[in-house]
Amino acid sequence: MNTLPGIDLSDPGYLRHCLRPDCTESFNIVYQMTSEYGGSPVEGWHMVRMFSGLYLCPRHSLRVATGDHVPSWIWDASHDQVLGVRCACEWEWRPGRPATNGEHREQWAGQLVRVDP
């Protein structure tokens, strides 16, 4: 592996982990950002853009990449607020209170574990 001047590739801050709570896979984001590495170490990872650039590993990304489990916001335009999160598989979570992006992400990722173990 080549080295990049001034970049400590062992820094854990560069690691990106699979979004699923039951998965331990990770990759180094520097590999994706640097053409010097050719992209092969991160091949198959899928960014879930709705959740601020979080990723699913190759083993867990297929059903999202094919559209079976794509998340979207449940939006109340009249009050300009998010009511919850839904999935293309018709699952949804509406907490009935303001919730954080992290809570929505955890609920959606949790349902992925339940429907695609």
PDB file of N, CA and C in Angstrom:
ATOM      1  N   MET A   1       0.851  -1.183   0.000  1.00  0.00           N
ATOM      2  CA  MET A   1       0.000   0.000   0.000  1.00  0.00           C
ATOM      3  C   MET A   1       0.892   1.240   0.000  1.00  0.00           C
ATOM      4  N   ASN A   2       0.558   2.202  -0.779  1.00  0.00           N
ATOM      5  CA  ASN A   2       1.299   3.460  -0.813  1.00  0.00           C
ATOM      6  C   ASN A   2       0.972   4.291   0.415  1.00  0.00           C
ATOM      7  N   THR A   3       1.820   5.250   0.696  1.00  0.00           N
ATOM      8  CA  THR A   3       1.555   6.168   1.797  1.00  0.00           C
ATOM      9  C   THR A   3       1.295   7.547   1.229  1.00  0.00           C
ATOM     10  N   LEU A   4       0.556   8.325   1.939  1.00  0.00           N
ATOM     11  CA  LEU A   4       0.272   9.689   1.532  1.00  0.00           C
ATOM     12  C   LEU A   4       0.976  10.619   2.502  1.00  0.00           C
ATOM     13  N   PRO A   5       1.710  11.585   2.002  1.00  0.00           N
ATOM     14  CA  PRO A   5       2.425  12.491   2.891  1.00  0.00           C
ATOM     15  C   PRO A   5       1.485  13.211   3.850  1.00  0.00           C
ATOM     16  N   GLY A   6       1.793  13.164   5.135  1.00  0.00           N
ATOM     17  CA  GLY A   6       1.025  13.900   6.132  1.00  0.00           C
ATOM     18  C   GLY A   6      -0.269  13.235   6.560  1.00  0.00           C
ATOM     19  N   ILE A   7      -0.569  12.040   6.062  1.00  0.00           N
ATOM     20  CA  ILE A   7      -1.805  11.353   6.437  1.00  0.00           C
ATOM     21  C   ILE A   7      -1.459  10.049   7.143  1.00  0.00           C
ATOM     22  N   ASP A   8      -1.911   9.926   8.367  1.00  0.00           N
ATOM     23  CA  ASP A   8      -1.722   8.713   9.147  1.00  0.00           C
ATOM     24  C   ASP A   8      -2.916   7.802   8.860  1.00  0.00           C
ATOM     25  N   LEU A   9      -2.722   6.830   7.979  1.00  0.00           N
ATOM     26  CA  LEU A   9      -3.823   5.959   7.560  1.00  0.00           C
ATOM     27  C   LEU A   9      -4.339   5.069   8.685  1.00  0.00           C
ATOM     28  N   SER A  10      -3.593   4.982   9.789  1.00  0.00           N
ATOM     29  CA  SER A  10      -4.057   4.167  10.913  1.00  0.00           C
ATOM     30  C   SER A  10      -4.972   4.957  11.847  1.00  0.00           C
ATOM     31  N   ASP A  11      -5.175   6.255  11.590  1.00  0.00           N
ATOM     32  CA  ASP A  11      -6.035   7.092  12.427  1.00  0.00           C
ATOM     33  C   ASP A  11      -7.454   6.544  12.390  1.00  0.00           C
ATOM     34  N   PRO A  12      -8.036   6.184  13.554  1.00  0.00           N
ATOM     35  CA  PRO A  12      -9.397   5.633  13.548  1.00  0.00           C
ATOM     36  C   PRO A  12     -10.459   6.611  13.060  1.00  0.00           C
ATOM     37  N   GLY A  13     -10.142   7.892  12.988  1.00  0.00           N
ATOM     38  CA  GLY A  13     -11.083   8.878  12.479  1.00  0.00           C
ATOM     39  C   GLY A  13     -11.391   8.706  11.003  1.00  0.00           C
ATOM     40  N   TYR A  14     -10.550   7.951  10.301  1.00  0.00           N
ATOM     41  CA  TYR A  14     -10.783   7.703   8.878  1.00  0.00           C
ATOM     42  C   TYR A  14     -11.646   6.476   8.627  1.00  0.00           C
ATOM     43  N   LEU A  15     -11.932   5.695   9.665  1.00  0.00           N
ATOM     44  CA  LEU A  15     -12.727   4.490   9.490  1.00  0.00           C
ATOM     45  C   LEU A  15     -14.204   4.814   9.345  1.00  0.00           C
ATOM     46  N   ARG A  16     -14.856   4.172   8.401  1.00  0.00           N
ATOM     47  CA  ARG A  16     -16.293   4.257   8.237  1.00  0.00           C
ATOM     48  C   ARG A  16     -16.839   2.852   8.442  1.00  0.00           C
ATOM     49  N   HIS A  17     -17.832   2.732   9.299  1.00  0.00           N
ATOM     50  CA  HIS A  17     -18.388   1.437   9.666  1.00  0.00           C
ATOM     51  C   HIS A  17     -19.719   1.213   8.971  1.00  0.00           C
ATOM     52  N   CYS A  18     -20.074  -0.052   8.816  1.00  0.00           N
ATOM     53  CA  CYS A  18     -21.377  -0.396   8.257  1.00  0.00           C
ATOM     54  C   CYS A  18     -22.460   0.155   9.184  1.00  0.00           C
ATOM     55  N   LEU A  19     -23.486   0.713   8.611  1.00  0.00           N
ATOM     56  CA  LEU A  19     -24.592   1.328   9.341  1.00  0.00           C
ATOM     57  C   LEU A  19     -25.379   0.319  10.177  1.00  0.00           C
ATOM     58  N   ARG A  20     -25.391  -0.926   9.761  1.00  0.00           N
ATOM     59  CA  ARG A  20     -26.144  -1.934  10.519  1.00  0.00           C
ATOM     60  C   ARG A  20     -25.477  -2.174  11.876  1.00  0.00           C
ATOM     61  N   PRO A  21     -26.264  -2.179  12.942  1.00  0.00           N
ATOM     62  CA  PRO A  21     -25.689  -2.341  14.278  1.00  0.00           C
ATOM     63  C   PRO A  21     -25.122  -3.734  14.535  1.00  0.00           C
ATOM     64  N   ASP A  22     -25.479  -4.705  13.725  1.00  0.00           N
ATOM     65  CA  ASP A  22     -24.996  -6.070  13.918  1.00  0.00           C
ATOM     66  C   ASP A  22     -23.785  -6.401  13.049  1.00  0.00           C
ATOM     67  N   CYS A  23     -23.195  -5.420  12.381  1.00  0.00           N
ATOM     68  CA  CYS A  23     -22.080  -5.640  11.462  1.00  0.00           C
ATOM     69  C   CYS A  23     -20.819  -4.933  11.962  1.00  0.00           C
ATOM     70  N   THR A  24     -19.697  -5.590  11.822  1.00  0.00           N
ATOM     71  CA  THR A  24     -18.424  -5.013  12.280  1.00  0.00           C
ATOM     72  C   THR A  24     -17.532  -4.573  11.116  1.00  0.00           C
ATOM     73  N   GLU A  25     -18.022  -4.639   9.881  1.00  0.00           N
ATOM     74  CA  GLU A  25     -17.221  -4.261   8.713  1.00  0.00           C
ATOM     75  C   GLU A  25     -16.932  -2.762   8.714  1.00  0.00           C
ATOM     76  N   SER A  26     -15.758  -2.395   8.198  1.00  0.00           N
ATOM     77  CA  SER A  26     -15.390  -0.987   8.076  1.00  0.00           C
ATOM     78  C   SER A  26     -14.396  -0.828   6.927  1.00  0.00           C
ATOM     79  N   PHE A  27     -14.197   0.407   6.511  1.00  0.00           N
ATOM     80  CA  PHE A  27     -13.177   0.721   5.514  1.00  0.00           C
ATOM     81  C   PHE A  27     -12.588   2.083   5.842  1.00  0.00           C
ATOM     82  N   ASN A  28     -11.447   2.369   5.259  1.00  0.00           N
ATOM     83  CA  ASN A  28     -10.760   3.630   5.477  1.00  0.00           C
ATOM     84  C   ASN A  28     -11.198   4.605   4.380  1.00  0.00           C
ATOM     85  N   ILE A  29     -11.823   5.702   4.762  1.00  0.00           N
ATOM     86  CA  ILE A  29     -12.372   6.669   3.811  1.00  0.00           C
ATOM     87  C   ILE A  29     -11.299   7.296   2.913  1.00  0.00           C
ATOM     88  N   VAL A  30     -10.066   7.321   3.376  1.00  0.00           N
ATOM     89  CA  VAL A  30      -8.983   7.889   2.560  1.00  0.00           C
ATOM     90  C   VAL A  30      -8.835   7.092   1.267  1.00  0.00           C
ATOM     91  N   TYR A  31      -9.072   5.767   1.328  1.00  0.00           N
ATOM     92  CA  TYR A  31      -8.972   4.948   0.122  1.00  0.00           C
ATOM     93  C   TYR A  31      -9.983   5.387  -0.929  1.00  0.00           C
ATOM     94  N   GLN A  32     -11.156   5.751  -0.495  1.00  0.00           N
ATOM     95  CA  GLN A  32     -12.192   6.167  -1.440  1.00  0.00           C
ATOM     96  C   GLN A  32     -11.891   7.544  -2.010  1.00  0.00           C
ATOM     97  N   MET A  33     -11.320   8.415  -1.195  1.00  0.00           N
ATOM     98  CA  MET A  33     -11.081   9.797  -1.630  1.00  0.00           C
ATOM     99  C   MET A  33      -9.830   9.930  -2.479  1.00  0.00           C
ATOM    100  N   THR A  34      -8.993   8.924  -2.501  1.00  0.00           N
ATOM    101  CA  THR A  34      -7.703   9.039  -3.162  1.00  0.00           C
ATOM    102  C   THR A  34      -7.612   8.093  -4.344  1.00  0.00           C
ATOM    103  N   SER A  35      -7.508   8.631  -5.537  1.00  0.00           N
ATOM    104  CA  SER A  35      -7.458   7.798  -6.735  1.00  0.00           C
ATOM    105  C   SER A  35      -6.220   6.912  -6.743  1.00  0.00           C
ATOM    106  N   GLU A  36      -5.210   7.273  -5.966  1.00  0.00           N
ATOM    107  CA  GLU A  36      -3.980   6.486  -5.880  1.00  0.00           C
ATOM    108  C   GLU A  36      -4.276   5.040  -5.478  1.00  0.00           C
ATOM    109  N   TYR A  37      -5.370   4.823  -4.746  1.00  0.00           N
ATOM    110  CA  TYR A  37      -5.704   3.486  -4.269  1.00  0.00           C
ATOM    111  C   TYR A  37      -6.654   2.756  -5.205  1.00  0.00           C
ATOM    112  N   GLY A  38      -7.152   3.390  -6.231  1.00  0.00           N
ATOM    113  CA  GLY A  38      -7.952   2.742  -7.250  1.00  0.00           C
ATOM    114  C   GLY A  38      -9.354   2.326  -6.859  1.00  0.00           C
ATOM    115  N   GLY A  39      -9.767   2.591  -5.662  1.00  0.00           N
ATOM    116  CA  GLY A  39     -11.127   2.289  -5.258  1.00  0.00           C
ATOM    117  C   GLY A  39     -11.384   0.853  -4.841  1.00  0.00           C
ATOM    118  N   SER A  40     -10.491  -0.074  -5.110  1.00  0.00           N
ATOM    119  CA  SER A  40     -10.792  -1.469  -4.815  1.00  0.00           C
ATOM    120  C   SER A  40     -11.016  -1.774  -3.336  1.00  0.00           C
ATOM    121  N   PRO A  41     -10.355  -1.131  -2.381  1.00  0.00           N
ATOM    122  CA  PRO A  41     -10.627  -1.484  -0.984  1.00  0.00           C
ATOM    123  C   PRO A  41     -12.047  -1.145  -0.530  1.00  0.00           C
ATOM    124  N   VAL A  42     -12.774  -0.257  -1.236  1.00  0.00           N
ATOM    125  CA  VAL A  42     -14.112   0.129  -0.809  1.00  0.00           C
ATOM    126  C   VAL A  42     -15.183  -0.291  -1.820  1.00  0.00           C
ATOM    127  N   GLU A  43     -14.821  -1.153  -2.734  1.00  0.00           N
ATOM    128  CA  GLU A  43     -15.774  -1.600  -3.751  1.00  0.00           C
ATOM    129  C   GLU A  43     -16.988  -2.259  -3.099  1.00  0.00           C
ATOM    130  N   GLY A  44     -18.164  -1.865  -3.542  1.00  0.00           N
ATOM    131  CA  GLY A  44     -19.395  -2.465  -3.042  1.00  0.00           C
ATOM    132  C   GLY A  44     -20.034  -1.748  -1.871  1.00  0.00           C
ATOM    133  N   TRP A  45     -19.351  -0.801  -1.263  1.00  0.00           N
ATOM    134  CA  TRP A  45     -19.955  -0.031  -0.165  1.00  0.00           C
ATOM    135  C   TRP A  45     -20.972   0.934  -0.748  1.00  0.00           C
ATOM    136  N   HIS A  46     -22.082   1.123  -0.044  1.00  0.00           N
ATOM    137  CA  HIS A  46     -23.176   1.973  -0.528  1.00  0.00           C
ATOM    138  C   HIS A  46     -23.429   3.095   0.490  1.00  0.00           C
ATOM    139  N   MET A  47     -23.345   4.336   0.024  1.00  0.00           N
ATOM    140  CA  MET A  47     -23.620   5.465   0.909  1.00  0.00           C
ATOM    141  C   MET A  47     -25.127   5.689   1.002  1.00  0.00           C
ATOM    142  N   VAL A  48     -25.632   5.765   2.239  1.00  0.00           N
ATOM    143  CA  VAL A  48     -27.038   6.084   2.473  1.00  0.00           C
ATOM    144  C   VAL A  48     -27.087   7.589   2.697  1.00  0.00           C
ATOM    145  N   ARG A  49     -27.270   8.331   1.641  1.00  0.00           N
ATOM    146  CA  ARG A  49     -27.149   9.793   1.674  1.00  0.00           C
ATOM    147  C   ARG A  49     -28.124  10.463   2.641  1.00  0.00           C
ATOM    148  N   MET A  50     -29.281   9.880   2.831  1.00  0.00           N
ATOM    149  CA  MET A  50     -30.267  10.491   3.714  1.00  0.00           C
ATOM    150  C   MET A  50     -29.722  10.667   5.129  1.00  0.00           C
ATOM    151  N   PHE A  51     -28.837   9.775   5.526  1.00  0.00           N
ATOM    152  CA  PHE A  51     -28.293   9.827   6.877  1.00  0.00           C
ATOM    153  C   PHE A  51     -26.870  10.379   6.892  1.00  0.00           C
ATOM    154  N   SER A  52     -26.658  11.472   6.213  1.00  0.00           N
ATOM    155  CA  SER A  52     -25.404  12.220   6.255  1.00  0.00           C
ATOM    156  C   SER A  52     -24.178  11.391   5.898  1.00  0.00           C
ATOM    157  N   GLY A  53     -24.269  10.660   4.829  1.00  0.00           N
ATOM    158  CA  GLY A  53     -23.083   9.960   4.332  1.00  0.00           C
ATOM    159  C   GLY A  53     -22.684   8.746   5.129  1.00  0.00           C
ATOM    160  N   LEU A  54     -23.608   8.031   5.699  1.00  0.00           N
ATOM    161  CA  LEU A  54     -23.292   6.781   6.372  1.00  0.00           C
ATOM    162  C   LEU A  54     -23.359   5.657   5.346  1.00  0.00           C
ATOM    163  N   TYR A  55     -22.708   4.543   5.644  1.00  0.00           N
ATOM    164  CA  TYR A  55     -22.499   3.504   4.646  1.00  0.00           C
ATOM    165  C   TYR A  55     -23.036   2.144   5.066  1.00  0.00           C
ATOM    166  N   LEU A  56     -23.339   1.334   4.063  1.00  0.00           N
ATOM    167  CA  LEU A  56     -23.632  -0.084   4.253  1.00  0.00           C
ATOM    168  C   LEU A  56     -22.544  -0.874   3.530  1.00  0.00           C
ATOM    169  N   CYS A  57     -22.053  -1.921   4.180  1.00  0.00           N
ATOM    170  CA  CYS A  57     -20.991  -2.738   3.599  1.00  0.00           C
ATOM    171  C   CYS A  57     -21.523  -3.531   2.397  1.00  0.00           C
ATOM    172  N   PRO A  58     -20.637  -4.123   1.610  1.00  0.00           N
ATOM    173  CA  PRO A  58     -21.085  -4.887   0.441  1.00  0.00           C
ATOM    174  C   PRO A  58     -22.070  -6.008   0.785  1.00  0.00           C
ATOM    175  N   ARG A  59     -21.904  -6.649   1.926  1.00  0.00           N
ATOM    176  CA  ARG A  59     -22.799  -7.739   2.305  1.00  0.00           C
ATOM    177  C   ARG A  59     -24.221  -7.250   2.590  1.00  0.00           C
ATOM    178  N   HIS A  60     -24.360  -6.014   3.073  1.00  0.00           N
ATOM    179  CA  HIS A  60     -25.667  -5.502   3.477  1.00  0.00           C
ATOM    180  C   HIS A  60     -26.239  -4.437   2.545  1.00  0.00           C
ATOM    181  N   SER A  61     -25.525  -4.065   1.523  1.00  0.00           N
ATOM    182  CA  SER A  61     -25.956  -2.933   0.696  1.00  0.00           C
ATOM    183  C   SER A  61     -26.869  -3.306  -0.464  1.00  0.00           C
ATOM    184  N   LEU A  62     -26.911  -4.563  -0.855  1.00  0.00           N
ATOM    185  CA  LEU A  62     -27.621  -4.931  -2.076  1.00  0.00           C
ATOM    186  C   LEU A  62     -29.095  -4.546  -2.060  1.00  0.00           C
ATOM    187  N   ARG A  63     -29.801  -4.817  -0.971  1.00  0.00           N
ATOM    188  CA  ARG A  63     -31.242  -4.531  -0.949  1.00  0.00           C
ATOM    189  C   ARG A  63     -31.527  -3.033  -0.918  1.00  0.00           C
ATOM    190  N   VAL A  64     -30.583  -2.240  -0.457  1.00  0.00           N
ATOM    191  CA  VAL A  64     -30.751  -0.786  -0.509  1.00  0.00           C
ATOM    192  C   VAL A  64     -30.409  -0.299  -1.919  1.00  0.00           C
ATOM    193  N   ALA A  65     -29.325  -0.809  -2.464  1.00  0.00           N
ATOM    194  CA  ALA A  65     -28.897  -0.395  -3.805  1.00  0.00           C
ATOM    195  C   ALA A  65     -29.927  -0.762  -4.871  1.00  0.00           C
ATOM    196  N   THR A  66     -30.663  -1.842  -4.675  1.00  0.00           N
ATOM    197  CA  THR A  66     -31.671  -2.256  -5.660  1.00  0.00           C
ATOM    198  C   THR A  66     -33.007  -1.547  -5.455  1.00  0.00           C
ATOM    199  N   GLY A  67     -33.135  -0.785  -4.373  1.00  0.00           N
ATOM    200  CA  GLY A  67     -34.351  -0.019  -4.128  1.00  0.00           C
ATOM    201  C   GLY A  67     -35.339  -0.667  -3.183  1.00  0.00           C
ATOM    202  N   ASP A  68     -35.069  -1.883  -2.729  1.00  0.00           N
ATOM    203  CA  ASP A  68     -35.997  -2.580  -1.831  1.00  0.00           C
ATOM    204  C   ASP A  68     -36.118  -1.925  -0.455  1.00  0.00           C
ATOM    205  N   HIS A  69     -35.024  -1.317   0.007  1.00  0.00           N
ATOM    206  CA  HIS A  69     -35.010  -0.740   1.355  1.00  0.00           C
ATOM    207  C   HIS A  69     -34.369   0.648   1.347  1.00  0.00           C
ATOM    208  N   VAL A  70     -34.980   1.564   0.642  1.00  0.00           N
ATOM    209  CA  VAL A  70     -34.473   2.940   0.582  1.00  0.00           C
ATOM    210  C   VAL A  70     -35.259   3.781   1.588  1.00  0.00           C
ATOM    211  N   PRO A  71     -34.546   4.469   2.496  1.00  0.00           N
ATOM    212  CA  PRO A  71     -35.257   5.289   3.480  1.00  0.00           C
ATOM    213  C   PRO A  71     -35.694   6.625   2.901  1.00  0.00           C
ATOM    214  N   SER A  72     -36.755   7.186   3.488  1.00  0.00           N
ATOM    215  CA  SER A  72     -37.191   8.542   3.142  1.00  0.00           C
ATOM    216  C   SER A  72     -37.878   9.145   4.362  1.00  0.00           C
ATOM    217  N   TRP A  73     -37.944  10.447   4.392  1.00  0.00           N
ATOM    218  CA  TRP A  73     -38.570  11.136   5.514  1.00  0.00           C
ATOM    219  C   TRP A  73     -40.084  11.148   5.363  1.00  0.00           C
ATOM    220  N   ILE A  74     -40.776  11.055   6.471  1.00  0.00           N
ATOM    221  CA  ILE A  74     -42.218  11.309   6.505  1.00  0.00           C
ATOM    222  C   ILE A  74     -42.325  12.775   6.903  1.00  0.00           C
ATOM    223  N   TRP A  75     -42.775  13.581   5.981  1.00  0.00           N
ATOM    224  CA  TRP A  75     -42.695  15.038   6.124  1.00  0.00           C
ATOM    225  C   TRP A  75     -44.076  15.660   6.241  1.00  0.00           C
ATOM    226  N   ASP A  76     -44.242  16.554   7.196  1.00  0.00           N
ATOM    227  CA  ASP A  76     -45.472  17.332   7.340  1.00  0.00           C
ATOM    228  C   ASP A  76     -45.174  18.730   6.816  1.00  0.00           C
ATOM    229  N   ALA A  77     -45.530  18.964   5.570  1.00  0.00           N
ATOM    230  CA  ALA A  77     -45.213  20.243   4.932  1.00  0.00           C
ATOM    231  C   ALA A  77     -45.954  21.406   5.583  1.00  0.00           C
ATOM    232  N   SER A  78     -47.150  21.159   6.091  1.00  0.00           N
ATOM    233  CA  SER A  78     -47.926  22.247   6.680  1.00  0.00           C
ATOM    234  C   SER A  78     -47.278  22.784   7.961  1.00  0.00           C
ATOM    235  N   HIS A  79     -46.530  21.956   8.644  1.00  0.00           N
ATOM    236  CA  HIS A  79     -45.838  22.388   9.860  1.00  0.00           C
ATOM    237  C   HIS A  79     -44.317  22.410   9.693  1.00  0.00           C
ATOM    238  N   ASP A  80     -43.857  22.118   8.479  1.00  0.00           N
ATOM    239  CA  ASP A  80     -42.430  22.138   8.157  1.00  0.00           C
ATOM    240  C   ASP A  80     -41.625  21.308   9.154  1.00  0.00           C
ATOM    241  N   GLN A  81     -42.033  20.039   9.322  1.00  0.00           N
ATOM    242  CA  GLN A  81     -41.316  19.180  10.265  1.00  0.00           C
ATOM    243  C   GLN A  81     -41.333  17.720   9.814  1.00  0.00           C
ATOM    244  N   VAL A  82     -40.348  16.993  10.290  1.00  0.00           N
ATOM    245  CA  VAL A  82     -40.251  15.566  10.032  1.00  0.00           C
ATOM    246  C   VAL A  82     -41.086  14.834  11.071  1.00  0.00           C
ATOM    247  N   LEU A  83     -41.949  13.940  10.600  1.00  0.00           N
ATOM    248  CA  LEU A  83     -42.787  13.153  11.504  1.00  0.00           C
ATOM    249  C   LEU A  83     -42.194  11.777  11.778  1.00  0.00           C
ATOM    250  N   GLY A  84     -41.325  11.324  10.892  1.00  0.00           N
ATOM    251  CA  GLY A  84     -40.732  10.004  11.056  1.00  0.00           C
ATOM    252  C   GLY A  84     -39.941   9.605   9.833  1.00  0.00           C
ATOM    253  N   VAL A  85     -39.663   8.321   9.746  1.00  0.00           N
ATOM    254  CA  VAL A  85     -38.899   7.766   8.632  1.00  0.00           C
ATOM    255  C   VAL A  85     -39.657   6.555   8.094  1.00  0.00           C
ATOM    256  N   ARG A  86     -39.569   6.365   6.773  1.00  0.00           N
ATOM    257  CA  ARG A  86     -40.203   5.201   6.152  1.00  0.00           C
ATOM    258  C   ARG A  86     -39.180   4.516   5.266  1.00  0.00           C
ATOM    259  N   CYS A  87     -39.539   3.308   4.883  1.00  0.00           N
ATOM    260  CA  CYS A  87     -38.679   2.511   4.020  1.00  0.00           C
ATOM    261  C   CYS A  87     -39.482   2.121   2.785  1.00  0.00           C
ATOM    262  N   ALA A  88     -38.794   1.870   1.694  1.00  0.00           N
ATOM    263  CA  ALA A  88     -39.465   1.460   0.458  1.00  0.00           C
ATOM    264  C   ALA A  88     -40.250   0.158   0.634  1.00  0.00           C
ATOM    265  N   CYS A  89     -39.944  -0.624   1.669  1.00  0.00           N
ATOM    266  CA  CYS A  89     -40.651  -1.887   1.912  1.00  0.00           C
ATOM    267  C   CYS A  89     -41.967  -1.663   2.656  1.00  0.00           C
ATOM    268  N   GLU A  90     -42.345  -0.412   2.859  1.00  0.00           N
ATOM    269  CA  GLU A  90     -43.582   0.017   3.525  1.00  0.00           C
ATOM    270  C   GLU A  90     -43.492   0.054   5.047  1.00  0.00           C
ATOM    271  N   TRP A  91     -42.345  -0.266   5.633  1.00  0.00           N
ATOM    272  CA  TRP A  91     -42.138  -0.089   7.071  1.00  0.00           C
ATOM    273  C   TRP A  91     -42.034   1.408   7.352  1.00  0.00           C
ATOM    274  N   GLU A  92     -42.516   1.855   8.499  1.00  0.00           N
ATOM    275  CA  GLU A  92     -42.300   3.249   8.905  1.00  0.00           C
ATOM    276  C   GLU A  92     -42.238   3.355  10.421  1.00  0.00           C
ATOM    277  N   TRP A  93     -41.611   4.413  10.865  1.00  0.00           N
ATOM    278  CA  TRP A  93     -41.502   4.711  12.293  1.00  0.00           C
ATOM    279  C   TRP A  93     -41.891   6.169  12.498  1.00  0.00           C
ATOM    280  N   ARG A  94     -42.909   6.397  13.321  1.00  0.00           N
ATOM    281  CA  ARG A  94     -43.380   7.738  13.684  1.00  0.00           C
ATOM    282  C   ARG A  94     -43.339   7.822  15.210  1.00  0.00           C
ATOM    283  N   PRO A  95     -42.362   8.496  15.763  1.00  0.00           N
ATOM    284  CA  PRO A  95     -42.228   8.508  17.214  1.00  0.00           C
ATOM    285  C   PRO A  95     -43.295   9.311  17.951  1.00  0.00           C
ATOM    286  N   GLY A  96     -44.020  10.192  17.271  1.00  0.00           N
ATOM    287  CA  GLY A  96     -45.038  10.999  17.943  1.00  0.00           C
ATOM    288  C   GLY A  96     -44.456  12.146  18.743  1.00  0.00           C
ATOM    289  N   ARG A  97     -43.214  12.437  18.533  1.00  0.00           N
ATOM    290  CA  ARG A  97     -42.484  13.512  19.209  1.00  0.00           C
ATOM    291  C   ARG A  97     -41.303  13.895  18.330  1.00  0.00           C
ATOM    292  N   PRO A  98     -40.708  15.037  18.557  1.00  0.00           N
ATOM    293  CA  PRO A  98     -39.491  15.352  17.812  1.00  0.00           C
ATOM    294  C   PRO A  98     -38.411  14.305  18.112  1.00  0.00           C
ATOM    295  N   ALA A  99     -37.735  13.841  17.102  1.00  0.00           N
ATOM    296  CA  ALA A  99     -36.685  12.843  17.262  1.00  0.00           C
ATOM    297  C   ALA A  99     -35.439  13.286  16.503  1.00  0.00           C
ATOM    298  N   THR A 100     -34.297  12.792  16.916  1.00  0.00           N
ATOM    299  CA  THR A 100     -33.037  13.160  16.273  1.00  0.00           C
ATOM    300  C   THR A 100     -32.813  12.331  15.017  1.00  0.00           C
ATOM    301  N   ASN A 101     -31.918  12.809  14.171  1.00  0.00           N
ATOM    302  CA  ASN A 101     -31.524  12.064  12.986  1.00  0.00           C
ATOM    303  C   ASN A 101     -30.983  10.693  13.410  1.00  0.00           C
ATOM    304  N   GLY A 102     -30.246  10.663  14.513  1.00  0.00           N
ATOM    305  CA  GLY A 102     -29.693   9.407  15.015  1.00  0.00           C
ATOM    306  C   GLY A 102     -30.768   8.405  15.398  1.00  0.00           C
ATOM    307  N   GLU A 103     -31.840   8.861  16.004  1.00  0.00           N
ATOM    308  CA  GLU A 103     -32.939   7.959  16.366  1.00  0.00           C
ATOM    309  C   GLU A 103     -33.612   7.391  15.114  1.00  0.00           C
ATOM    310  N   HIS A 104     -33.843   8.245  14.126  1.00  0.00           N
ATOM    311  CA  HIS A 104     -34.434   7.783  12.874  1.00  0.00           C
ATOM    312  C   HIS A 104     -33.519   6.748  12.213  1.00  0.00           C
ATOM    313  N   ARG A 105     -32.242   7.048  12.173  1.00  0.00           N
ATOM    314  CA  ARG A 105     -31.260   6.134  11.577  1.00  0.00           C
ATOM    315  C   ARG A 105     -31.261   4.790  12.308  1.00  0.00           C
ATOM    316  N   GLU A 106     -31.256   4.821  13.637  1.00  0.00           N
ATOM    317  CA  GLU A 106     -31.238   3.576  14.417  1.00  0.00           C
ATOM    318  C   GLU A 106     -32.486   2.741  14.167  1.00  0.00           C
ATOM    319  N   GLN A 107     -33.632   3.374  14.092  1.00  0.00           N
ATOM    320  CA  GLN A 107     -34.877   2.645  13.838  1.00  0.00           C
ATOM    321  C   GLN A 107     -34.865   2.009  12.448  1.00  0.00           C
ATOM    322  N   TRP A 108     -34.438   2.767  11.442  1.00  0.00           N
ATOM    323  CA  TRP A 108     -34.393   2.248  10.078  1.00  0.00           C
ATOM    324  C   TRP A 108     -33.382   1.113   9.963  1.00  0.00           C
ATOM    325  N   ALA A 109     -32.190   1.308  10.530  1.00  0.00           N
ATOM    326  CA  ALA A 109     -31.171   0.240  10.491  1.00  0.00           C
ATOM    327  C   ALA A 109     -31.642  -0.983  11.253  1.00  0.00           C
ATOM    328  N   GLY A 110     -32.342  -0.790  12.347  1.00  0.00           N
ATOM    329  CA  GLY A 110     -32.886  -1.901  13.122  1.00  0.00           C
ATOM    330  C   GLY A 110     -33.874  -2.731  12.322  1.00  0.00           C
ATOM    331  N   GLN A 111     -34.698  -2.072  11.530  1.00  0.00           N
ATOM    332  CA  GLN A 111     -35.647  -2.835  10.718  1.00  0.00           C
ATOM    333  C   GLN A 111     -34.932  -3.585   9.612  1.00  0.00           C
ATOM    334  N   LEU A 112     -33.792  -3.076   9.128  1.00  0.00           N
ATOM    335  CA  LEU A 112     -33.012  -3.826   8.153  1.00  0.00           C
ATOM    336  C   LEU A 112     -32.541  -5.149   8.755  1.00  0.00           C
ATOM    337  N   VAL A 113     -32.124  -5.112  10.003  1.00  0.00           N
ATOM    338  CA  VAL A 113     -31.666  -6.319  10.686  1.00  0.00           C
ATOM    339  C   VAL A 113     -32.817  -7.323  10.805  1.00  0.00           C
ATOM    340  N   ARG A 114     -33.995  -6.832  11.107  1.00  0.00           N
ATOM    341  CA  ARG A 114     -35.153  -7.725  11.286  1.00  0.00           C
ATOM    342  C   ARG A 114     -35.623  -8.352   9.976  1.00  0.00           C
ATOM    343  N   VAL A 115     -35.591  -7.596   8.877  1.00  0.00           N
ATOM    344  CA  VAL A 115     -36.123  -8.124   7.616  1.00  0.00           C
ATOM    345  C   VAL A 115     -35.060  -8.825   6.760  1.00  0.00           C
ATOM    346  N   ASP A 116     -33.798  -8.570   7.030  1.00  0.00           N
ATOM    347  CA  ASP A 116     -32.724  -9.148   6.211  1.00  0.00           C
ATOM    348  C   ASP A 116     -31.570  -9.561   7.126  1.00  0.00           C
ATOM    349  N   PRO A 117     -31.771 -10.611   7.943  1.00  0.00           N
ATOM    350  CA  PRO A 117     -30.748 -10.993   8.935  1.00  0.00           C
ATOM    351  C   PRO A 117     -29.448 -11.459   8.318  1.00  0.00           C
TER     352      PRO A 117
END
